[in-house]
PDB file of N, CA and C in Angstrom:
ATOM      1  N   MET A   1      47.317  -2.701 -41.207  1.00  0.00           N
ATOM      2  CA  MET A   1      47.318  -2.561 -39.673  1.00  0.00           C
ATOM      3  C   MET A   1      47.330  -3.891 -38.739  1.00  0.00           C
ATOM      4  N   THR A   2      48.173  -4.122 -37.808  1.00  0.00           N
ATOM      5  CA  THR A   2      48.329  -5.207 -37.147  1.00  0.00           C
ATOM      6  C   THR A   2      48.026  -5.119 -35.682  1.00  0.00           C
ATOM      7  N   MET A   3      47.323  -6.167 -35.312  1.00  0.00           N
ATOM      8  CA  MET A   3      46.812  -6.121 -34.003  1.00  0.00           C
ATOM      9  C   MET A   3      47.926  -6.391 -32.981  1.00  0.00           C
ATOM     10  N   GLU A   4      47.979  -5.558 -32.030  1.00  0.00           N
ATOM     11  CA  GLU A   4      49.082  -5.973 -30.963  1.00  0.00           C
ATOM     12  C   GLU A   4      48.586  -6.783 -29.888  1.00  0.00           C
ATOM     13  N   TYR A   5      49.289  -7.848 -29.340  1.00  0.00           N
ATOM     14  CA  TYR A   5      48.942  -8.812 -28.247  1.00  0.00           C
ATOM     15  C   TYR A   5      49.907  -8.654 -27.140  1.00  0.00           C
ATOM     16  N   LEU A   6      49.349  -8.973 -25.992  1.00  0.00           N
ATOM     17  CA  LEU A   6      50.205  -9.014 -24.674  1.00  0.00           C
ATOM     18  C   LEU A   6      50.137 -10.500 -24.066  1.00  0.00           C
ATOM     19  N   SER A   7      51.031 -10.810 -23.416  1.00  0.00           N
ATOM     20  CA  SER A   7      51.261 -12.184 -22.898  1.00  0.00           C
ATOM     21  C   SER A   7      50.292 -11.976 -21.676  1.00  0.00           C
ATOM     22  N   ILE A   8      50.066 -13.098 -20.983  1.00  0.00           N
ATOM     23  CA  ILE A   8      49.264 -13.039 -19.741  1.00  0.00           C
ATOM     24  C   ILE A   8      49.841 -12.552 -18.718  1.00  0.00           C
ATOM     25  N   ARG A   9      51.095 -12.643 -18.526  1.00  0.00           N
ATOM     26  CA  ARG A   9      51.863 -12.021 -17.519  1.00  0.00           C
ATOM     27  C   ARG A   9      51.963 -10.381 -17.520  1.00  0.00           C
ATOM     28  N   GLN A  10      51.928 -10.021 -18.859  1.00  0.00           N
ATOM     29  CA  GLN A  10      51.909  -8.511 -19.014  1.00  0.00           C
ATOM     30  C   GLN A  10      50.649  -7.942 -18.926  1.00  0.00           C
ATOM     31  N   VAL A  11      49.564  -8.598 -19.193  1.00  0.00           N
ATOM     32  CA  VAL A  11      48.387  -8.177 -18.936  1.00  0.00           C
ATOM     33  C   VAL A  11      47.937  -8.286 -17.227  1.00  0.00           C
ATOM     34  N   ALA A  12      48.553  -9.341 -16.708  1.00  0.00           N
ATOM     35  CA  ALA A  12      48.292  -9.349 -15.150  1.00  0.00           C
ATOM     36  C   ALA A  12      49.131  -8.226 -14.619  1.00  0.00           C
ATOM     37  N   GLU A  13      50.172  -7.632 -15.068  1.00  0.00           N
ATOM     38  CA  GLU A  13      50.841  -6.557 -14.439  1.00  0.00           C
ATOM     39  C   GLU A  13      49.969  -5.352 -14.763  1.00  0.00           C
ATOM     40  N   LYS A  14      49.613  -5.177 -15.877  1.00  0.00           N
ATOM     41  CA  LYS A  14      48.810  -4.088 -16.205  1.00  0.00           C
ATOM     42  C   LYS A  14      47.469  -3.982 -15.567  1.00  0.00           C
ATOM     43  N   TRP A  15      46.944  -4.883 -15.116  1.00  0.00           N
ATOM     44  CA  TRP A  15      45.516  -4.853 -14.532  1.00  0.00           C
ATOM     45  C   TRP A  15      45.703  -5.101 -13.121  1.00  0.00           C
ATOM     46  N   GLY A  16      46.831  -5.467 -12.617  1.00  0.00           N
ATOM     47  CA  GLY A  16      47.030  -5.648 -11.115  1.00  0.00           C
ATOM     48  C   GLY A  16      46.412  -6.906 -10.702  1.00  0.00           C
ATOM     49  N   LEU A  17      46.335  -7.960 -11.636  1.00  0.00           N
ATOM     50  CA  LEU A  17      45.866  -9.366 -11.209  1.00  0.00           C
ATOM     51  C   LEU A  17      46.915 -10.264 -11.336  1.00  0.00           C
ATOM     52  N   SER A  18      46.663 -11.439 -10.761  1.00  0.00           N
ATOM     53  CA  SER A  18      47.748 -12.667 -11.036  1.00  0.00           C
ATOM     54  C   SER A  18      47.539 -13.294 -12.273  1.00  0.00           C
ATOM     55  N   ALA A  19      48.661 -13.804 -12.699  1.00  0.00           N
ATOM     56  CA  ALA A  19      48.815 -14.420 -13.952  1.00  0.00           C
ATOM     57  C   ALA A  19      47.731 -15.508 -14.093  1.00  0.00           C
ATOM     58  N   ARG A  20      47.625 -16.298 -13.150  1.00  0.00           N
ATOM     59  CA  ARG A  20      46.439 -17.363 -12.985  1.00  0.00           C
ATOM     60  C   ARG A  20      45.169 -16.886 -13.212  1.00  0.00           C
ATOM     61  N   ARG A  21      44.860 -15.749 -12.495  1.00  0.00           N
ATOM     62  CA  ARG A  21      43.400 -15.094 -12.715  1.00  0.00           C
ATOM     63  C   ARG A  21      43.112 -14.763 -14.220  1.00  0.00           C
ATOM     64  N   ILE A  22      44.385 -14.110 -15.026  1.00  0.00           N
ATOM     65  CA  ILE A  22      44.123 -13.774 -16.283  1.00  0.00           C
ATOM     66  C   ILE A  22      43.758 -15.033 -16.999  1.00  0.00           C
ATOM     67  N   ASN A  23      44.506 -16.164 -16.871  1.00  0.00           N
ATOM     68  CA  ASN A  23      44.366 -17.297 -17.589  1.00  0.00           C
ATOM     69  C   ASN A  23      43.062 -17.870 -17.357  1.00  0.00           C
ATOM     70  N   VAL A  24      42.363 -18.011 -16.025  1.00  0.00           N
ATOM     71  CA  VAL A  24      41.022 -18.268 -15.935  1.00  0.00           C
ATOM     72  C   VAL A  24      40.038 -17.328 -16.701  1.00  0.00           C
ATOM     73  N   LEU A  25      40.405 -16.205 -16.697  1.00  0.00           N
ATOM     74  CA  LEU A  25      39.430 -15.264 -17.488  1.00  0.00           C
ATOM     75  C   LEU A  25      39.316 -15.521 -18.862  1.00  0.00           C
ATOM     76  N   CYS A  26      40.537 -15.864 -19.578  1.00  0.00           N
ATOM     77  CA  CYS A  26      40.603 -16.043 -20.882  1.00  0.00           C
ATOM     78  C   CYS A  26      40.100 -17.378 -21.178  1.00  0.00           C
ATOM     79  N   SER A  27      40.131 -18.487 -20.187  1.00  0.00           N
ATOM     80  CA  SER A  27      39.571 -19.690 -20.394  1.00  0.00           C
ATOM     81  C   SER A  27      38.108 -19.597 -20.419  1.00  0.00           C
ATOM     82  N   GLU A  28      37.636 -18.679 -19.641  1.00  0.00           N
ATOM     83  CA  GLU A  28      36.166 -18.683 -19.563  1.00  0.00           C
ATOM     84  C   GLU A  28      35.436 -17.643 -20.736  1.00  0.00           C
ATOM     85  N   GLY A  29      36.396 -17.182 -21.476  1.00  0.00           N
ATOM     86  CA  GLY A  29      36.148 -16.263 -22.597  1.00  0.00           C
ATOM     87  C   GLY A  29      35.455 -14.926 -22.164  1.00  0.00           C
ATOM     88  N   ARG A  30      36.165 -14.655 -21.078  1.00  0.00           N
ATOM     89  CA  ARG A  30      35.531 -13.178 -20.556  1.00  0.00           C
ATOM     90  C   ARG A  30      36.449 -11.972 -20.983  1.00  0.00           C
ATOM     91  N   ILE A  31      37.617 -12.375 -21.571  1.00  0.00           N
ATOM     92  CA  ILE A  31      38.542 -11.247 -22.262  1.00  0.00           C
ATOM     93  C   ILE A  31      38.134 -11.228 -23.718  1.00  0.00           C
ATOM     94  N   GLU A  32      37.541 -10.315 -24.141  1.00  0.00           N
ATOM     95  CA  GLU A  32      37.204  -9.927 -25.622  1.00  0.00           C
ATOM     96  C   GLU A  32      38.466 -10.141 -26.395  1.00  0.00           C
ATOM     97  N   GLY A  33      38.587 -10.988 -27.277  1.00  0.00           N
ATOM     98  CA  GLY A  33      39.483 -10.992 -28.481  1.00  0.00           C
ATOM     99  C   GLY A  33      40.696 -11.928 -28.062  1.00  0.00           C
ATOM    100  N   ALA A  34      40.689 -12.506 -26.837  1.00  0.00           N
ATOM    101  CA  ALA A  34      41.764 -13.302 -26.301  1.00  0.00           C
ATOM    102  C   ALA A  34      42.010 -14.562 -27.089  1.00  0.00           C
ATOM    103  N   THR A  35      43.057 -14.972 -27.537  1.00  0.00           N
ATOM    104  CA  THR A  35      43.328 -15.971 -28.662  1.00  0.00           C
ATOM    105  C   THR A  35      44.369 -16.969 -28.000  1.00  0.00           C
ATOM    106  N   LYS A  36      44.200 -18.365 -28.291  1.00  0.00           N
ATOM    107  CA  LYS A  36      44.982 -19.277 -27.632  1.00  0.00           C
ATOM    108  C   LYS A  36      45.800 -19.741 -28.818  1.00  0.00           C
ATOM    109  N   ILE A  37      47.108 -19.514 -28.676  1.00  0.00           N
ATOM    110  CA  ILE A  37      48.163 -19.930 -29.608  1.00  0.00           C
ATOM    111  C   ILE A  37      48.842 -20.963 -29.049  1.00  0.00           C
ATOM    112  N   GLY A  38      48.782 -22.300 -29.466  1.00  0.00           N
ATOM    113  CA  GLY A  38      49.465 -23.363 -28.932  1.00  0.00           C
ATOM    114  C   GLY A  38      49.027 -23.421 -27.513  1.00  0.00           C
ATOM    115  N   SER A  39      49.987 -23.469 -26.447  1.00  0.00           N
ATOM    116  CA  SER A  39      49.493 -23.507 -25.137  1.00  0.00           C
ATOM    117  C   SER A  39      49.469 -22.029 -24.376  1.00  0.00           C
ATOM    118  N   TYR A  40      49.668 -21.149 -25.163  1.00  0.00           N
ATOM    119  CA  TYR A  40      49.678 -19.722 -24.554  1.00  0.00           C
ATOM    120  C   TYR A  40      48.461 -19.010 -25.095  1.00  0.00           C
ATOM    121  N   TRP A  41      48.179 -18.016 -24.242  1.00  0.00           N
ATOM    122  CA  TRP A  41      47.065 -16.939 -24.529  1.00  0.00           C
ATOM    123  C   TRP A  41      47.622 -15.764 -24.978  1.00  0.00           C
ATOM    124  N   ALA A  42      47.048 -14.932 -26.061  1.00  0.00           N
ATOM    125  CA  ALA A  42      47.547 -13.840 -26.582  1.00  0.00           C
ATOM    126  C   ALA A  42      46.208 -12.843 -26.396  1.00  0.00           C
ATOM    127  N   VAL A  43      46.414 -11.783 -25.466  1.00  0.00           N
ATOM    128  CA  VAL A  43      45.332 -10.807 -25.430  1.00  0.00           C
ATOM    129  C   VAL A  43      45.541  -9.572 -26.014  1.00  0.00           C
ATOM    130  N   PRO A  44      44.565  -9.090 -26.788  1.00  0.00           N
ATOM    131  CA  PRO A  44      44.730  -7.820 -27.256  1.00  0.00           C
ATOM    132  C   PRO A  44      45.234  -6.603 -26.412  1.00  0.00           C
ATOM    133  N   ALA A  45      46.073  -5.743 -26.796  1.00  0.00           N
ATOM    134  CA  ALA A  45      46.603  -4.788 -26.080  1.00  0.00           C
ATOM    135  C   ALA A  45      45.689  -3.882 -25.683  1.00  0.00           C
ATOM    136  N   ASP A  46      44.398  -3.798 -26.352  1.00  0.00           N
ATOM    137  CA  ASP A  46      43.390  -2.704 -25.944  1.00  0.00           C
ATOM    138  C   ASP A  46      42.375  -3.396 -25.228  1.00  0.00           C
ATOM    139  N   ALA A  47      42.459  -4.580 -24.887  1.00  0.00           N
ATOM    140  CA  ALA A  47      41.457  -5.211 -24.164  1.00  0.00           C
ATOM    141  C   ALA A  47      40.878  -4.854 -23.064  1.00  0.00           C
ATOM    142  N   GLU A  48      39.718  -4.665 -22.585  1.00  0.00           N
ATOM    143  CA  GLU A  48      39.217  -4.129 -21.256  1.00  0.00           C
ATOM    144  C   GLU A  48      39.136  -5.164 -20.327  1.00  0.00           C
ATOM    145  N   LYS A  49      39.448  -4.792 -19.102  1.00  0.00           N
ATOM    146  CA  LYS A  49      39.477  -5.609 -17.956  1.00  0.00           C
ATOM    147  C   LYS A  49      37.968  -6.004 -17.600  1.00  0.00           C
ATOM    148  N   PRO A  50      37.801  -7.076 -17.544  1.00  0.00           N
ATOM    149  CA  PRO A  50      36.252  -7.421 -17.198  1.00  0.00           C
ATOM    150  C   PRO A  50      36.028  -7.211 -15.876  1.00  0.00           C
ATOM    151  N   LYS A  51      34.662  -6.913 -15.514  1.00  0.00           N
ATOM    152  CA  LYS A  51      33.935  -6.612 -14.288  1.00  0.00           C
ATOM    153  C   LYS A  51      34.130  -7.986 -13.409  1.00  0.00           C
ATOM    154  N   ASP A  52      34.464  -7.810 -12.159  1.00  0.00           N
ATOM    155  CA  ASP A  52      34.493  -8.888 -11.213  1.00  0.00           C
ATOM    156  C   ASP A  52      32.924  -9.225 -10.878  1.00  0.00           C
ATOM    157  N   GLU A  53      32.584 -10.458 -11.400  1.00  0.00           N
ATOM    158  CA  GLU A  53      31.194 -10.981 -11.293  1.00  0.00           C
ATOM    159  C   GLU A  53      31.031 -11.628  -9.989  1.00  0.00           C
ATOM    160  N   ARG A  54      32.148 -11.715  -9.195  1.00  0.00           N
ATOM    161  CA  ARG A  54      31.695 -12.205  -7.543  1.00  0.00           C
ATOM    162  C   ARG A  54      31.242 -11.062  -6.806  1.00  0.00           C
ATOM    163  N   ILE A  55      31.296  -9.705  -7.332  1.00  0.00           N
ATOM    164  CA  ILE A  55      30.507  -8.557  -6.518  1.00  0.00           C
ATOM    165  C   ILE A  55      29.204  -8.351  -7.048  1.00  0.00           C
ATOM    166  N   LYS A  56      28.131  -8.575  -6.280  1.00  0.00           N
ATOM    167  CA  LYS A  56      26.839  -8.299  -7.065  1.00  0.00           C
ATOM    168  C   LYS A  56      26.141  -6.967  -6.755  1.00  0.00           C
ATOM    169  N   SER A  57      26.591  -6.299  -5.626  1.00  0.00           N
ATOM    170  CA  SER A  57      26.081  -5.079  -5.139  1.00  0.00           C
ATOM    171  C   SER A  57      26.639  -3.852  -5.493  1.00  0.00           C
ATOM    172  N   GLY A  58      27.847  -4.058  -6.140  1.00  0.00           N
ATOM    173  CA  GLY A  58      28.488  -3.070  -6.538  1.00  0.00           C
ATOM    174  C   GLY A  58      29.720  -2.553  -5.684  1.00  0.00           C
ATOM    175  N   LYS A  59      29.432  -2.999  -4.551  1.00  0.00           N
ATOM    176  CA  LYS A  59      30.737  -2.969  -3.599  1.00  0.00           C
ATOM    177  C   LYS A  59      30.866  -4.140  -2.557  1.00  0.00           C
ATOM    178  N   TYR A  60      32.029  -4.425  -2.131  1.00  0.00           N
ATOM    179  CA  TYR A  60      32.129  -5.555  -1.344  1.00  0.00           C
ATOM    180  C   TYR A  60      32.110  -5.185   0.019  1.00  0.00           C
ATOM    181  N   VAL A  61      31.200  -5.874   0.738  1.00  0.00           N
ATOM    182  CA  VAL A  61      30.920  -5.708   2.085  1.00  0.00           C
ATOM    183  C   VAL A  61      31.296  -7.029   2.900  1.00  0.00           C
ATOM    184  N   LYS A  62      32.293  -6.919   3.780  1.00  0.00           N
ATOM    185  CA  LYS A  62      32.498  -8.053   4.628  1.00  0.00           C
ATOM    186  C   LYS A  62      31.378  -8.269   5.754  1.00  0.00           C
ATOM    187  N   SER A  63      30.750  -9.292   5.719  1.00  0.00           N
ATOM    188  CA  SER A  63      29.744  -9.370   6.944  1.00  0.00           C
ATOM    189  C   SER A  63      30.399  -9.919   7.999  1.00  0.00           C
ATOM    190  N   VAL A  64      29.820  -9.255   9.302  1.00  0.00           N
ATOM    191  CA  VAL A  64      30.423  -9.780  10.622  1.00  0.00           C
ATOM    192  C   VAL A  64      29.232 -10.230  11.395  1.00  0.00           C
ATOM    193  N   THR A  65      29.307 -11.668  11.724  1.00  0.00           N
ATOM    194  CA  THR A  65      28.275 -12.085  12.403  1.00  0.00           C
ATOM    195  C   THR A  65      28.614 -12.103  13.940  1.00  0.00           C
ATOM    196  N   THR A  66      27.592 -11.886  14.712  1.00  0.00           N
ATOM    197  CA  THR A  66      27.979 -11.966  16.242  1.00  0.00           C
ATOM    198  C   THR A  66      27.002 -13.104  16.724  1.00  0.00           C
ATOM    199  N   ASP A  67      27.517 -13.960  17.690  1.00  0.00           N
ATOM    200  CA  ASP A  67      26.913 -14.863  18.357  1.00  0.00           C
ATOM    201  C   ASP A  67      26.305 -14.522  19.814  1.00  0.00           C
ATOM    202  N   THR A  68      25.044 -14.309  19.880  1.00  0.00           N
ATOM    203  CA  THR A  68      24.554 -13.659  21.058  1.00  0.00           C
ATOM    204  C   THR A  68      24.293 -14.748  22.142  1.00  0.00           C
ATOM    205  N   ASN A  69      24.536 -16.077  21.783  1.00  0.00           N
ATOM    206  CA  ASN A  69      24.305 -17.069  22.787  1.00  0.00           C
ATOM    207  C   ASN A  69      25.747 -17.634  23.523  1.00  0.00           C
ATOM    208  N   ILE A  70      26.480 -16.625  23.717  1.00  0.00           N
ATOM    209  CA  ILE A  70      27.809 -17.085  24.425  1.00  0.00           C
ATOM    210  C   ILE A  70      27.619 -16.805  25.806  1.00  0.00           C
TER     211      ILE A  70
END
């Protein structure tokens, strides 16, 4: 049984992220099973998309500040 791997570009298209973001996730070790072959990353075809660590509350809320001293 051989493991199937995808390129960064293929994973980016599959997950709806940029190729640069996938590269960063691989470099940070956040994609399980991603392996560097030479200067390229190989991502297992069945790898799970990591959670976005930037969102702490579970949903993104853009805060709007109002200046009352105008």
